[in-house]
Amino acid sequence: MGAATSIMYSATDPSIACVVLDSPFASLSQLSQELVQNQDLPVAVPAFAVSLGLKMIRKTILTKANFDIEYRSAASAAASAHSESNL
């Protein structure tokens, strides 16, 4: 999560000239789906269950922290960053 956070911050600070990152994720929902699909679990977790869990987490974060995790993604921040990103 540190690499993704660094991408998002570098988009807000024009004084950052370059960012070197290791394994950032594009979005929280994409990361969650991939992690669940790639785990060797005794029971398969359907994609709708992961989506439902993320919706519950999103609602809690909206209520408690007043921001939407759906609109915070490293991929969109990288497009508007002032610096070069080396992944």
N, C-alpha and C. Protein backbone atom coordinates (compact mmCIF):
# COMPACT_ATOMS: atom_id res chain seq x y z
N MET A 1 0.81 -1.20 0.00
CA MET A 1 0.00 0.00 0.00
C MET A 1 0.85 1.27 0.00
N GLY A 2 2.09 1.17 0.41
CA GLY A 2 2.95 2.34 0.45
C GLY A 2 3.23 2.90 -0.93
N ALA A 3 3.42 2.01 -1.91
CA ALA A 3 3.70 2.48 -3.26
C ALA A 3 2.49 3.20 -3.84
N ALA A 4 1.31 2.66 -3.63
CA ALA A 4 0.09 3.30 -4.13
C ALA A 4 -0.13 4.65 -3.45
N THR A 5 0.13 4.71 -2.16
CA THR A 5 -0.01 5.97 -1.42
C THR A 5 0.99 7.01 -1.94
N SER A 6 2.20 6.56 -2.25
CA SER A 6 3.22 7.47 -2.79
C SER A 6 2.80 8.05 -4.13
N ILE A 7 2.20 7.22 -4.97
CA ILE A 7 1.70 7.70 -6.26
C ILE A 7 0.65 8.78 -6.04
N MET A 8 -0.29 8.49 -5.14
CA MET A 8 -1.38 9.45 -4.89
C MET A 8 -0.85 10.76 -4.33
N TYR A 9 0.15 10.70 -3.44
CA TYR A 9 0.70 11.94 -2.87
C TYR A 9 1.50 12.70 -3.92
N SER A 10 2.26 11.99 -4.75
CA SER A 10 3.08 12.69 -5.75
C SER A 10 2.23 13.47 -6.74
N ALA A 11 0.98 13.06 -6.90
CA ALA A 11 0.08 13.80 -7.79
C ALA A 11 -0.33 15.15 -7.21
N THR A 12 -0.15 15.32 -5.89
CA THR A 12 -0.55 16.57 -5.24
C THR A 12 0.61 17.51 -4.97
N ASP A 13 1.85 17.03 -5.14
CA ASP A 13 3.02 17.83 -4.78
C ASP A 13 3.94 18.02 -5.99
N PRO A 14 3.92 19.18 -6.63
CA PRO A 14 4.73 19.41 -7.82
C PRO A 14 6.23 19.47 -7.54
N SER A 15 6.64 19.53 -6.29
CA SER A 15 8.07 19.57 -5.98
C SER A 15 8.72 18.19 -6.04
N ILE A 16 7.94 17.14 -6.17
CA ILE A 16 8.50 15.78 -6.27
C ILE A 16 8.86 15.53 -7.73
N ALA A 17 10.16 15.29 -7.97
CA ALA A 17 10.65 15.14 -9.34
C ALA A 17 10.55 13.71 -9.85
N CYS A 18 10.71 12.74 -8.97
CA CYS A 18 10.70 11.35 -9.41
C CYS A 18 10.27 10.46 -8.25
N VAL A 19 9.61 9.36 -8.58
CA VAL A 19 9.17 8.40 -7.57
C VAL A 19 9.58 7.01 -8.05
N VAL A 20 10.28 6.27 -7.20
CA VAL A 20 10.66 4.89 -7.51
C VAL A 20 9.78 3.99 -6.65
N LEU A 21 9.04 3.10 -7.29
CA LEU A 21 8.02 2.31 -6.59
C LEU A 21 8.21 0.82 -6.82
N ASP A 22 7.76 0.05 -5.84
CA ASP A 22 7.81 -1.40 -5.95
C ASP A 22 6.41 -1.96 -5.76
N SER A 23 5.85 -2.53 -6.79
CA SER A 23 4.58 -3.25 -6.76
C SER A 23 3.37 -2.44 -6.29
N PRO A 24 3.10 -1.31 -6.88
CA PRO A 24 1.87 -0.60 -6.52
C PRO A 24 0.65 -1.32 -7.09
N PHE A 25 -0.49 -1.14 -6.45
CA PHE A 25 -1.72 -1.69 -7.01
C PHE A 25 -2.51 -0.58 -7.66
N ALA A 26 -3.32 -0.94 -8.66
CA ALA A 26 -4.07 0.06 -9.42
C ALA A 26 -5.26 0.58 -8.64
N SER A 27 -6.03 -0.33 -8.01
CA SER A 27 -7.19 0.07 -7.23
C SER A 27 -7.44 -0.96 -6.14
N LEU A 28 -8.07 -0.53 -5.07
CA LEU A 28 -8.35 -1.42 -3.94
C LEU A 28 -9.30 -2.54 -4.35
N SER A 29 -10.30 -2.25 -5.14
CA SER A 29 -11.25 -3.29 -5.53
C SER A 29 -10.57 -4.34 -6.42
N GLN A 30 -9.73 -3.89 -7.35
CA GLN A 30 -9.00 -4.83 -8.21
C GLN A 30 -8.06 -5.69 -7.38
N LEU A 31 -7.34 -5.08 -6.46
CA LEU A 31 -6.42 -5.82 -5.59
C LEU A 31 -7.17 -6.86 -4.77
N SER A 32 -8.30 -6.48 -4.20
CA SER A 32 -9.09 -7.41 -3.38
C SER A 32 -9.55 -8.61 -4.18
N GLN A 33 -10.07 -8.36 -5.38
CA GLN A 33 -10.53 -9.45 -6.23
C GLN A 33 -9.37 -10.39 -6.58
N GLU A 34 -8.23 -9.83 -6.94
CA GLU A 34 -7.08 -10.65 -7.32
C GLU A 34 -6.54 -11.46 -6.14
N LEU A 35 -6.50 -10.86 -4.96
CA LEU A 35 -6.01 -11.58 -3.79
C LEU A 35 -6.90 -12.78 -3.45
N VAL A 36 -8.19 -12.58 -3.51
CA VAL A 36 -9.11 -13.67 -3.20
C VAL A 36 -9.03 -14.77 -4.26
N GLN A 37 -8.94 -14.39 -5.52
CA GLN A 37 -8.88 -15.39 -6.59
C GLN A 37 -7.59 -16.19 -6.57
N ASN A 38 -6.50 -15.59 -6.12
CA ASN A 38 -5.20 -16.25 -6.16
C ASN A 38 -4.86 -17.01 -4.88
N GLN A 39 -5.73 -17.00 -3.90
CA GLN A 39 -5.49 -17.72 -2.66
C GLN A 39 -5.91 -19.18 -2.81
N ASP A 40 -5.18 -20.05 -2.15
CA ASP A 40 -5.53 -21.46 -2.14
C ASP A 40 -6.42 -21.71 -0.92
N LEU A 41 -7.69 -21.37 -1.06
CA LEU A 41 -8.64 -21.48 0.03
C LEU A 41 -9.40 -22.80 -0.05
N PRO A 42 -9.79 -23.36 1.09
CA PRO A 42 -10.54 -24.62 1.05
C PRO A 42 -11.92 -24.47 0.41
N VAL A 43 -12.48 -23.28 0.43
CA VAL A 43 -13.77 -22.99 -0.18
C VAL A 43 -13.60 -21.80 -1.12
N ALA A 44 -14.13 -21.92 -2.32
CA ALA A 44 -14.03 -20.82 -3.28
C ALA A 44 -14.91 -19.66 -2.82
N VAL A 45 -14.35 -18.44 -2.88
CA VAL A 45 -15.10 -17.24 -2.52
C VAL A 45 -15.59 -16.60 -3.82
N PRO A 46 -16.91 -16.51 -3.98
CA PRO A 46 -17.43 -15.91 -5.22
C PRO A 46 -17.13 -14.41 -5.29
N ALA A 47 -16.98 -13.94 -6.51
CA ALA A 47 -16.64 -12.52 -6.73
C ALA A 47 -17.69 -11.60 -6.12
N PHE A 48 -18.97 -12.00 -6.14
CA PHE A 48 -20.00 -11.13 -5.57
C PHE A 48 -19.81 -10.96 -4.07
N ALA A 49 -19.25 -11.97 -3.39
CA ALA A 49 -19.02 -11.86 -1.95
C ALA A 49 -17.93 -10.83 -1.66
N VAL A 50 -16.90 -10.81 -2.49
CA VAL A 50 -15.83 -9.81 -2.34
C VAL A 50 -16.40 -8.42 -2.60
N SER A 51 -17.20 -8.30 -3.65
CA SER A 51 -17.83 -7.01 -3.97
C SER A 51 -18.73 -6.53 -2.84
N LEU A 52 -19.49 -7.43 -2.27
CA LEU A 52 -20.37 -7.08 -1.16
C LEU A 52 -19.56 -6.61 0.04
N GLY A 53 -18.47 -7.34 0.34
CA GLY A 53 -17.60 -6.94 1.46
C GLY A 53 -17.00 -5.56 1.24
N LEU A 54 -16.56 -5.29 0.01
CA LEU A 54 -16.00 -3.97 -0.31
C LEU A 54 -17.04 -2.87 -0.20
N LYS A 55 -18.28 -3.16 -0.58
CA LYS A 55 -19.34 -2.15 -0.44
C LYS A 55 -19.58 -1.82 1.03
N MET A 56 -19.52 -2.84 1.89
CA MET A 56 -19.70 -2.61 3.32
C MET A 56 -18.54 -1.78 3.89
N ILE A 57 -17.32 -2.11 3.46
CA ILE A 57 -16.15 -1.35 3.90
C ILE A 57 -16.23 0.09 3.40
N ARG A 58 -16.63 0.25 2.13
CA ARG A 58 -16.77 1.59 1.55
C ARG A 58 -17.75 2.44 2.34
N LYS A 59 -18.88 1.85 2.70
CA LYS A 59 -19.91 2.59 3.45
C LYS A 59 -19.37 3.01 4.82
N THR A 60 -18.65 2.12 5.48
CA THR A 60 -18.08 2.45 6.78
C THR A 60 -17.07 3.58 6.68
N ILE A 61 -16.20 3.52 5.66
CA ILE A 61 -15.19 4.57 5.48
C ILE A 61 -15.85 5.89 5.12
N LEU A 62 -16.90 5.85 4.28
CA LEU A 62 -17.63 7.08 3.97
C LEU A 62 -18.20 7.72 5.22
N THR A 63 -18.74 6.90 6.10
CA THR A 63 -19.35 7.41 7.32
C THR A 63 -18.32 7.94 8.31
N LYS A 64 -17.25 7.17 8.52
CA LYS A 64 -16.27 7.53 9.56
C LYS A 64 -15.19 8.49 9.10
N ALA A 65 -14.73 8.36 7.85
CA ALA A 65 -13.61 9.18 7.38
C ALA A 65 -14.01 10.20 6.33
N ASN A 66 -15.23 10.13 5.86
CA ASN A 66 -15.78 11.10 4.91
C ASN A 66 -15.02 11.17 3.58
N PHE A 67 -14.57 10.00 3.08
CA PHE A 67 -14.05 9.96 1.72
C PHE A 67 -14.40 8.61 1.09
N ASP A 68 -14.41 8.60 -0.22
CA ASP A 68 -14.86 7.44 -0.96
C ASP A 68 -13.67 6.67 -1.53
N ILE A 69 -13.52 5.42 -1.11
CA ILE A 69 -12.39 4.61 -1.58
C ILE A 69 -12.50 4.27 -3.06
N GLU A 70 -13.68 4.38 -3.65
CA GLU A 70 -13.85 4.11 -5.07
C GLU A 70 -13.19 5.19 -5.93
N TYR A 71 -13.03 6.38 -5.38
CA TYR A 71 -12.43 7.47 -6.14
C TYR A 71 -10.98 7.74 -5.76
N ARG A 72 -10.40 6.82 -4.99
CA ARG A 72 -8.99 6.92 -4.63
C ARG A 72 -8.28 5.74 -5.28
N SER A 73 -7.61 5.96 -6.37
CA SER A 73 -6.89 4.87 -7.01
C SER A 73 -5.53 5.38 -7.47
N ALA A 74 -4.55 4.50 -7.38
CA ALA A 74 -3.21 4.85 -7.81
C ALA A 74 -3.16 5.09 -9.31
N ALA A 75 -3.94 4.32 -10.05
CA ALA A 75 -3.93 4.46 -11.52
C ALA A 75 -4.39 5.84 -11.95
N SER A 76 -5.45 6.36 -11.37
CA SER A 76 -5.92 7.68 -11.77
C SER A 76 -4.98 8.78 -11.26
N ALA A 77 -4.39 8.58 -10.08
CA ALA A 77 -3.45 9.57 -9.56
C ALA A 77 -2.18 9.63 -10.40
N ALA A 78 -1.72 8.48 -10.88
CA ALA A 78 -0.50 8.45 -11.69
C ALA A 78 -0.67 9.25 -12.97
N ALA A 79 -1.85 9.23 -13.51
CA ALA A 79 -2.10 9.98 -14.75
C ALA A 79 -1.98 11.49 -14.55
N SER A 80 -2.22 11.96 -13.34
CA SER A 80 -2.16 13.40 -13.09
C SER A 80 -0.94 13.80 -12.25
N ALA A 81 -0.02 12.87 -12.04
CA ALA A 81 1.18 13.16 -11.24
C ALA A 81 2.10 14.13 -11.96
N HIS A 82 2.80 14.94 -11.20
CA HIS A 82 3.74 15.92 -11.75
C HIS A 82 5.10 15.29 -12.00
N SER A 83 5.33 14.10 -11.45
CA SER A 83 6.64 13.47 -11.52
C SER A 83 6.62 12.22 -12.38
N GLU A 84 7.82 11.75 -12.69
CA GLU A 84 7.97 10.46 -13.38
C GLU A 84 7.85 9.37 -12.32
N SER A 85 7.21 8.28 -12.69
CA SER A 85 7.11 7.13 -11.79
C SER A 85 7.82 5.94 -12.43
N ASN A 86 8.74 5.35 -11.69
CA ASN A 86 9.45 4.18 -12.16
C ASN A 86 8.97 2.98 -11.36
N LEU A 87 8.24 2.11 -12.04
CA LEU A 87 7.66 0.95 -11.36
C LEU A 87 8.54 -0.26 -11.51
